[in-house]
Each structure stands twice: as structure tokens, then as C-alpha cells.
Amino acid sequence: PTPEEQAVLDAINADMRAAALQKELRVLMRIET
């Protein structure tokens, strides 16, 4: 990611709800594949 994109990714990771949903989505997609 560019520095600007990384700042956005950091903002998403700093939000507890967004980070939890992202983690759940990654797990579900790994199980599916």
C-alpha cells in the first residue's frame, strides 16, 4: 500500500468492529476454500 492507503488500512484496523468483521471474513473465506 501507498502511505495514504496504509493510513486507511490502519484506521480500519483501529476500529474494533471493523477489525473483528475483517478477521471473521478472512476465516470464513479460508474455510470455504
ModelCIF file with pLDDT and N, C-alpha, C, O atoms, coordinates in Angstrom:
data_MODEL
#
_entry.id   MODEL 
#
_entity.id                         1 
_entity.type                       polymer 
_entity.pdbx_number_of_molecules   1 
#
_entity_poly.entity_id                      1 
_entity_poly.type                           'polypeptide(L)' 
_entity_poly.nstd_linkage                   no 
_entity_poly.nstd_monomer                   no 
_entity_poly.pdbx_seq_one_letter_code       PTPEEQAVLDAINADMRAAALQKELRVLMRIET 
_entity_poly.pdbx_seq_one_letter_code_can   PTPEEQAVLDAINADMRAAALQKELRVLMRIET 
_entity_poly.pdbx_strand_id                 A 
#
loop_
_entity_poly_seq.entity_id 
_entity_poly_seq.num 
_entity_poly_seq.mon_id 
_entity_poly_seq.hetero 
1 1  PRO n 
1 2  THR n 
1 3  PRO n 
1 4  GLU n 
1 5  GLU n 
1 6  GLN n 
1 7  ALA n 
1 8  VAL n 
1 9  LEU n 
1 10 ASP n 
1 11 ALA n 
1 12 ILE n 
1 13 ASN n 
1 14 ALA n 
1 15 ASP n 
1 16 MET n 
1 17 ARG n 
1 18 ALA n 
1 19 ALA n 
1 20 ALA n 
1 21 LEU n 
1 22 GLN n 
1 23 LYS n 
1 24 GLU n 
1 25 LEU n 
1 26 ARG n 
1 27 VAL n 
1 28 LEU n 
1 29 MET n 
1 30 ARG n 
1 31 ILE n 
1 32 GLU n 
1 33 THR n 
#
_struct_asym.id          A 
_struct_asym.entity_id   1 
#
loop_
_ma_qa_metric.id 
_ma_qa_metric.mode 
_ma_qa_metric.name 
_ma_qa_metric.software_group_id 
_ma_qa_metric.type 
1 global pLDDT . pLDDT 
2 local  pLDDT . pLDDT 
#
_ma_qa_metric_global.metric_id      1 
_ma_qa_metric_global.metric_value   93.18 
_ma_qa_metric_global.model_id       1 
_ma_qa_metric_global.ordinal_id     1 
#
loop_
_ma_qa_metric_local.label_asym_id 
_ma_qa_metric_local.label_comp_id 
_ma_qa_metric_local.label_seq_id 
_ma_qa_metric_local.metric_id 
_ma_qa_metric_local.metric_value 
_ma_qa_metric_local.model_id 
_ma_qa_metric_local.ordinal_id 
A PRO 1  2 97.00 1 1  
A THR 2  2 96.00 1 2  
A PRO 3  2 97.00 1 3  
A GLU 4  2 97.00 1 4  
A GLU 5  2 97.00 1 5  
A GLN 6  2 97.00 1 6  
A ALA 7  2 97.00 1 7  
A VAL 8  2 97.00 1 8  
A LEU 9  2 97.00 1 9  
A ASP 10 2 98.00 1 10 
A ALA 11 2 97.00 1 11 
A ILE 12 2 97.00 1 12 
A ASN 13 2 96.00 1 13 
A ALA 14 2 98.00 1 14 
A ASP 15 2 98.00 1 15 
A MET 16 2 98.00 1 16 
A ARG 17 2 98.00 1 17 
A ALA 18 2 97.00 1 18 
A ALA 19 2 97.00 1 19 
A ALA 20 2 97.00 1 20 
A LEU 21 2 97.00 1 21 
A GLN 22 2 96.00 1 22 
A LYS 23 2 96.00 1 23 
A GLU 24 2 95.00 1 24 
A LEU 25 2 93.00 1 25 
A ARG 26 2 92.00 1 26 
A VAL 27 2 92.00 1 27 
A LEU 28 2 91.00 1 28 
A MET 29 2 87.00 1 29 
A ARG 30 2 85.00 1 30 
A ILE 31 2 80.00 1 31 
A GLU 32 2 64.00 1 32 
A THR 33 2 64.00 1 33 
#
loop_
_atom_site.group_PDB 
_atom_site.id 
_atom_site.type_symbol 
_atom_site.label_atom_id 
_atom_site.label_alt_id 
_atom_site.label_comp_id 
_atom_site.label_asym_id 
_atom_site.label_entity_id 
_atom_site.label_seq_id 
_atom_site.pdbx_PDB_ins_code 
_atom_site.Cartn_x 
_atom_site.Cartn_y 
_atom_site.Cartn_z 
_atom_site.occupancy 
_atom_site.B_iso_or_equiv 
_atom_site.pdbx_formal_charge 
_atom_site.auth_seq_id 
_atom_site.auth_comp_id 
_atom_site.auth_asym_id 
_atom_site.auth_atom_id 
_atom_site.pdbx_PDB_model_num 
ATOM 1   N N  . PRO A 1 1  ? 0.835   -1.205  0.000  1.00 97.00 ? 1  PRO A N  1 
ATOM 2   C CA . PRO A 1 1  ? 0.000   0.000   0.000  1.00 97.00 ? 1  PRO A CA 1 
ATOM 3   C C  . PRO A 1 1  ? 0.865   1.249   0.000  1.00 97.00 ? 1  PRO A C  1 
ATOM 4   O O  . PRO A 1 1  ? 1.974   1.260   0.535  1.00 97.00 ? 1  PRO A O  1 
ATOM 5   N N  . THR A 1 2  ? 0.337   2.294   -0.608 1.00 96.00 ? 2  THR A N  1 
ATOM 6   C CA . THR A 1 2  ? 0.993   3.596   -0.537 1.00 96.00 ? 2  THR A CA 1 
ATOM 7   C C  . THR A 1 2  ? 0.862   4.087   0.912  1.00 96.00 ? 2  THR A C  1 
ATOM 8   O O  . THR A 1 2  ? 0.072   3.533   1.677  1.00 96.00 ? 2  THR A O  1 
ATOM 9   N N  . PRO A 1 3  ? 1.615   5.106   1.292  1.00 97.00 ? 3  PRO A N  1 
ATOM 10  C CA . PRO A 1 3  ? 1.447   5.635   2.659  1.00 97.00 ? 3  PRO A CA 1 
ATOM 11  C C  . PRO A 1 3  ? 0.007   6.067   2.951  1.00 97.00 ? 3  PRO A C  1 
ATOM 12  O O  . PRO A 1 3  ? -0.486  5.866   4.061  1.00 97.00 ? 3  PRO A O  1 
ATOM 13  N N  . GLU A 1 4  ? -0.657  6.648   1.976  1.00 97.00 ? 4  GLU A N  1 
ATOM 14  C CA . GLU A 1 4  ? -2.051  7.065   2.169  1.00 97.00 ? 4  GLU A CA 1 
ATOM 15  C C  . GLU A 1 4  ? -2.968  5.856   2.348  1.00 97.00 ? 4  GLU A C  1 
ATOM 16  O O  . GLU A 1 4  ? -3.855  5.860   3.202  1.00 97.00 ? 4  GLU A O  1 
ATOM 17  N N  . GLU A 1 5  ? -2.745  4.821   1.533  1.00 97.00 ? 5  GLU A N  1 
ATOM 18  C CA . GLU A 1 5  ? -3.539  3.592   1.655  1.00 97.00 ? 5  GLU A CA 1 
ATOM 19  C C  . GLU A 1 5  ? -3.267  2.918   2.992  1.00 97.00 ? 5  GLU A C  1 
ATOM 20  O O  . GLU A 1 5  ? -4.182  2.388   3.621  1.00 97.00 ? 5  GLU A O  1 
ATOM 21  N N  . GLN A 1 6  ? -2.011  2.936   3.428  1.00 97.00 ? 6  GLN A N  1 
ATOM 22  C CA . GLN A 1 6  ? -1.666  2.322   4.712  1.00 97.00 ? 6  GLN A CA 1 
ATOM 23  C C  . GLN A 1 6  ? -2.364  3.045   5.857  1.00 97.00 ? 6  GLN A C  1 
ATOM 24  O O  . GLN A 1 6  ? -2.813  2.408   6.810  1.00 97.00 ? 6  GLN A O  1 
ATOM 25  N N  . ALA A 1 7  ? -2.458  4.357   5.773  1.00 97.00 ? 7  ALA A N  1 
ATOM 26  C CA . ALA A 1 7  ? -3.163  5.121   6.807  1.00 97.00 ? 7  ALA A CA 1 
ATOM 27  C C  . ALA A 1 7  ? -4.635  4.694   6.884  1.00 97.00 ? 7  ALA A C  1 
ATOM 28  O O  . ALA A 1 7  ? -5.203  4.597   7.972  1.00 97.00 ? 7  ALA A O  1 
ATOM 29  N N  . VAL A 1 8  ? -5.236  4.445   5.735  1.00 97.00 ? 8  VAL A N  1 
ATOM 30  C CA . VAL A 1 8  ? -6.632  3.991   5.706  1.00 97.00 ? 8  VAL A CA 1 
ATOM 31  C C  . VAL A 1 8  ? -6.733  2.585   6.300  1.00 97.00 ? 8  VAL A C  1 
ATOM 32  O O  . VAL A 1 8  ? -7.639  2.311   7.087  1.00 97.00 ? 8  VAL A O  1 
ATOM 33  N N  . LEU A 1 9  ? -5.819  1.703   5.932  1.00 97.00 ? 9  LEU A N  1 
ATOM 34  C CA . LEU A 1 9  ? -5.822  0.342   6.486  1.00 97.00 ? 9  LEU A CA 1 
ATOM 35  C C  . LEU A 1 9  ? -5.628  0.388   7.999  1.00 97.00 ? 9  LEU A C  1 
ATOM 36  O O  . LEU A 1 9  ? -6.249  -0.383  8.731  1.00 97.00 ? 9  LEU A O  1 
ATOM 37  N N  . ASP A 1 10 ? -4.771  1.285   8.466  1.00 98.00 ? 10 ASP A N  1 
ATOM 38  C CA . ASP A 1 10 ? -4.562  1.445   9.906  1.00 98.00 ? 10 ASP A CA 1 
ATOM 39  C C  . ASP A 1 10 ? -5.839  1.922   10.601 1.00 98.00 ? 10 ASP A C  1 
ATOM 40  O O  . ASP A 1 10 ? -6.154  1.477   11.704 1.00 98.00 ? 10 ASP A O  1 
ATOM 41  N N  . ALA A 1 11 ? -6.567  2.826   9.952  1.00 97.00 ? 11 ALA A N  1 
ATOM 42  C CA . ALA A 1 11 ? -7.824  3.319   10.522 1.00 97.00 ? 11 ALA A CA 1 
ATOM 43  C C  . ALA A 1 11 ? -8.845  2.191   10.634 1.00 97.00 ? 11 ALA A C  1 
ATOM 44  O O  . ALA A 1 11 ? -9.578  2.114   11.619 1.00 97.00 ? 11 ALA A O  1 
ATOM 45  N N  . ILE A 1 12 ? -8.896  1.331   9.644  1.00 97.00 ? 12 ILE A N  1 
ATOM 46  C CA . ILE A 1 12 ? -9.816  0.188   9.688  1.00 97.00 ? 12 ILE A CA 1 
ATOM 47  C C  . ILE A 1 12 ? -9.414  -0.754  10.815 1.00 97.00 ? 12 ILE A C  1 
ATOM 48  O O  . ILE A 1 12 ? -10.264 -1.220  11.574 1.00 97.00 ? 12 ILE A O  1 
ATOM 49  N N  . ASN A 1 13 ? -8.114  -1.033  10.924 1.00 96.00 ? 13 ASN A N  1 
ATOM 50  C CA . ASN A 1 13 ? -7.632  -1.938  11.976 1.00 96.00 ? 13 ASN A CA 1 
ATOM 51  C C  . ASN A 1 13 ? -7.807  -1.357  13.364 1.00 96.00 ? 13 ASN A C  1 
ATOM 52  O O  . ASN A 1 13 ? -7.924  -2.105  14.335 1.00 96.00 ? 13 ASN A O  1 
ATOM 53  N N  . ALA A 1 14 ? -7.827  -0.036  13.479 1.00 98.00 ? 14 ALA A N  1 
ATOM 54  C CA . ALA A 1 14 ? -8.001  0.609   14.783 1.00 98.00 ? 14 ALA A CA 1 
ATOM 55  C C  . ALA A 1 14 ? -9.454  0.549   15.262 1.00 98.00 ? 14 ALA A C  1 
ATOM 56  O O  . ALA A 1 14 ? -9.722  0.691   16.455 1.00 98.00 ? 14 ALA A O  1 
ATOM 57  N N  . ASP A 1 15 ? -10.374 0.343   14.345 1.00 98.00 ? 15 ASP A N  1 
ATOM 58  C CA . ASP A 1 15 ? -11.786 0.233   14.702 1.00 98.00 ? 15 ASP A CA 1 
ATOM 59  C C  . ASP A 1 15 ? -12.069 -1.212  15.098 1.00 98.00 ? 15 ASP A C  1 
ATOM 60  O O  . ASP A 1 15 ? -11.960 -2.115  14.269 1.00 98.00 ? 15 ASP A O  1 
ATOM 61  N N  . MET A 1 16 ? -12.429 -1.434  16.354 1.00 98.00 ? 16 MET A N  1 
ATOM 62  C CA . MET A 1 16 ? -12.596 -2.804  16.864 1.00 98.00 ? 16 MET A CA 1 
ATOM 63  C C  . MET A 1 16 ? -13.625 -3.597  16.071 1.00 98.00 ? 16 MET A C  1 
ATOM 64  O O  . MET A 1 16 ? -13.400 -4.770  15.773 1.00 98.00 ? 16 MET A O  1 
ATOM 65  N N  . ARG A 1 17 ? -14.736 -2.986  15.728 1.00 98.00 ? 17 ARG A N  1 
ATOM 66  C CA . ARG A 1 17 ? -15.803 -3.700  14.997 1.00 98.00 ? 17 ARG A CA 1 
ATOM 67  C C  . ARG A 1 17 ? -15.355 -4.057  13.587 1.00 98.00 ? 17 ARG A C  1 
ATOM 68  O O  . ARG A 1 17 ? -15.566 -5.182  13.134 1.00 98.00 ? 17 ARG A O  1 
ATOM 69  N N  . ALA A 1 18 ? -14.735 -3.103  12.889 1.00 97.00 ? 18 ALA A N  1 
ATOM 70  C CA . ALA A 1 18 ? -14.266 -3.372  11.528 1.00 97.00 ? 18 ALA A CA 1 
ATOM 71  C C  . ALA A 1 18 ? -13.183 -4.450  11.540 1.00 97.00 ? 18 ALA A C  1 
ATOM 72  O O  . ALA A 1 18 ? -13.184 -5.348  10.698 1.00 97.00 ? 18 ALA A O  1 
ATOM 73  N N  . ALA A 1 19 ? -12.263 -4.357  12.498 1.00 97.00 ? 19 ALA A N  1 
ATOM 74  C CA . ALA A 1 19 ? -11.191 -5.351  12.578 1.00 97.00 ? 19 ALA A CA 1 
ATOM 75  C C  . ALA A 1 19 ? -11.745 -6.743  12.866 1.00 97.00 ? 19 ALA A C  1 
ATOM 76  O O  . ALA A 1 19 ? -11.276 -7.729  12.296 1.00 97.00 ? 19 ALA A O  1 
ATOM 77  N N  . ALA A 1 20 ? -12.732 -6.827  13.743 1.00 97.00 ? 20 ALA A N  1 
ATOM 78  C CA . ALA A 1 20 ? -13.338 -8.126  14.058 1.00 97.00 ? 20 ALA A CA 1 
ATOM 79  C C  . ALA A 1 20 ? -14.067 -8.709  12.853 1.00 97.00 ? 20 ALA A C  1 
ATOM 80  O O  . ALA A 1 20 ? -13.958 -9.904  12.577 1.00 97.00 ? 20 ALA A O  1 
ATOM 81  N N  . LEU A 1 21 ? -14.806 -7.871  12.139 1.00 97.00 ? 21 LEU A N  1 
ATOM 82  C CA . LEU A 1 21 ? -15.519 -8.344  10.945 1.00 97.00 ? 21 LEU A CA 1 
ATOM 83  C C  . LEU A 1 21 ? -14.543 -8.793  9.863  1.00 97.00 ? 21 LEU A C  1 
ATOM 84  O O  . LEU A 1 21 ? -14.764 -9.803  9.195  1.00 97.00 ? 21 LEU A O  1 
ATOM 85  N N  . GLN A 1 22 ? -13.458 -8.032  9.696  1.00 96.00 ? 22 GLN A N  1 
ATOM 86  C CA . GLN A 1 22 ? -12.461 -8.399  8.699  1.00 96.00 ? 22 GLN A CA 1 
ATOM 87  C C  . GLN A 1 22 ? -11.824 -9.746  9.044  1.00 96.00 ? 22 GLN A C  1 
ATOM 88  O O  . GLN A 1 22 ? -11.615 -10.579 8.163  1.00 96.00 ? 22 GLN A O  1 
ATOM 89  N N  . LYS A 1 23 ? -11.520 -9.955  10.313 1.00 96.00 ? 23 LYS A N  1 
ATOM 90  C CA . LYS A 1 23 ? -10.935 -11.222 10.749 1.00 96.00 ? 23 LYS A CA 1 
ATOM 91  C C  . LYS A 1 23 ? -11.924 -12.369 10.524 1.00 96.00 ? 23 LYS A C  1 
ATOM 92  O O  . LYS A 1 23 ? -11.542 -13.430 10.031 1.00 96.00 ? 23 LYS A O  1 
ATOM 93  N N  . GLU A 1 24 ? -13.175 -12.160 10.881 1.00 95.00 ? 24 GLU A N  1 
ATOM 94  C CA . GLU A 1 24 ? -14.193 -13.190 10.671 1.00 95.00 ? 24 GLU A CA 1 
ATOM 95  C C  . GLU A 1 24 ? -14.343 -13.517 9.187  1.00 95.00 ? 24 GLU A C  1 
ATOM 96  O O  . GLU A 1 24 ? -14.477 -14.683 8.817  1.00 95.00 ? 24 GLU A O  1 
ATOM 97  N N  . LEU A 1 25 ? -14.321 -12.510 8.354  1.00 93.00 ? 25 LEU A N  1 
ATOM 98  C CA . LEU A 1 25 ? -14.443 -12.717 6.909  1.00 93.00 ? 25 LEU A CA 1 
ATOM 99  C C  . LEU A 1 25 ? -13.267 -13.526 6.373  1.00 93.00 ? 25 LEU A C  1 
ATOM 100 O O  . LEU A 1 25 ? -13.454 -14.443 5.573  1.00 93.00 ? 25 LEU A O  1 
ATOM 101 N N  . ARG A 1 26 ? -12.074 -13.191 6.806  1.00 92.00 ? 26 ARG A N  1 
ATOM 102 C CA . ARG A 1 26 ? -10.891 -13.947 6.373  1.00 92.00 ? 26 ARG A CA 1 
ATOM 103 C C  . ARG A 1 26 ? -10.980 -15.413 6.786  1.00 92.00 ? 26 ARG A C  1 
ATOM 104 O O  . ARG A 1 26 ? -10.654 -16.301 5.998  1.00 92.00 ? 26 ARG A O  1 
ATOM 105 N N  . VAL A 1 27 ? -11.416 -15.667 8.008  1.00 92.00 ? 27 VAL A N  1 
ATOM 106 C CA . VAL A 1 27 ? -11.554 -17.045 8.480  1.00 92.00 ? 27 VAL A CA 1 
ATOM 107 C C  . VAL A 1 27 ? -12.591 -17.787 7.650  1.00 92.00 ? 27 VAL A C  1 
ATOM 108 O O  . VAL A 1 27 ? -12.341 -18.912 7.217  1.00 92.00 ? 27 VAL A O  1 
ATOM 109 N N  . LEU A 1 28 ? -13.741 -17.184 7.423  1.00 91.00 ? 28 LEU A N  1 
ATOM 110 C CA . LEU A 1 28 ? -14.796 -17.829 6.643  1.00 91.00 ? 28 LEU A CA 1 
ATOM 111 C C  . LEU A 1 28 ? -14.332 -18.142 5.228  1.00 91.00 ? 28 LEU A C  1 
ATOM 112 O O  . LEU A 1 28 ? -14.643 -19.204 4.688  1.00 91.00 ? 28 LEU A O  1 
ATOM 113 N N  . MET A 1 29 ? -13.595 -17.225 4.632  1.00 87.00 ? 29 MET A N  1 
ATOM 114 C CA . MET A 1 29 ? -13.139 -17.444 3.265  1.00 87.00 ? 29 MET A CA 1 
ATOM 115 C C  . MET A 1 29 ? -12.083 -18.555 3.218  1.00 87.00 ? 29 MET A C  1 
ATOM 116 O O  . MET A 1 29 ? -12.042 -19.315 2.250  1.00 87.00 ? 29 MET A O  1 
ATOM 117 N N  . ARG A 1 30 ? -11.256 -18.661 4.213  1.00 85.00 ? 30 ARG A N  1 
ATOM 118 C CA . ARG A 1 30 ? -10.273 -19.747 4.251  1.00 85.00 ? 30 ARG A CA 1 
ATOM 119 C C  . ARG A 1 30 ? -10.970 -21.093 4.418  1.00 85.00 ? 30 ARG A C  1 
ATOM 120 O O  . ARG A 1 30 ? -10.598 -22.070 3.768  1.00 85.00 ? 30 ARG A O  1 
ATOM 121 N N  . ILE A 1 31 ? -11.962 -21.146 5.271  1.00 80.00 ? 31 ILE A N  1 
ATOM 122 C CA . ILE A 1 31 ? -12.714 -22.391 5.485  1.00 80.00 ? 31 ILE A CA 1 
ATOM 123 C C  . ILE A 1 31 ? -13.404 -22.795 4.186  1.00 80.00 ? 31 ILE A C  1 
ATOM 124 O O  . ILE A 1 31 ? -13.407 -23.969 3.818  1.00 80.00 ? 31 ILE A O  1 
ATOM 125 N N  . GLU A 1 32 ? -13.986 -21.821 3.495  1.00 64.00 ? 32 GLU A N  1 
ATOM 126 C CA . GLU A 1 32 ? -14.714 -22.097 2.256  1.00 64.00 ? 32 GLU A CA 1 
ATOM 127 C C  . GLU A 1 32 ? -13.811 -22.667 1.182  1.00 64.00 ? 32 GLU A C  1 
ATOM 128 O O  . GLU A 1 32 ? -14.262 -23.455 0.351  1.00 64.00 ? 32 GLU A O  1 
ATOM 129 N N  . THR A 1 33 ? -12.531 -22.281 1.183  1.00 64.00 ? 33 THR A N  1 
ATOM 130 C CA . THR A 1 33 ? -11.621 -22.729 0.123  1.00 64.00 ? 33 THR A CA 1 
ATOM 131 C C  . THR A 1 33 ? -10.818 -23.967 0.490  1.00 64.00 ? 33 THR A C  1 
ATOM 132 O O  . THR A 1 33 ? -10.017 -24.444 -0.314 1.00 64.00 ? 33 THR A O  1 
#
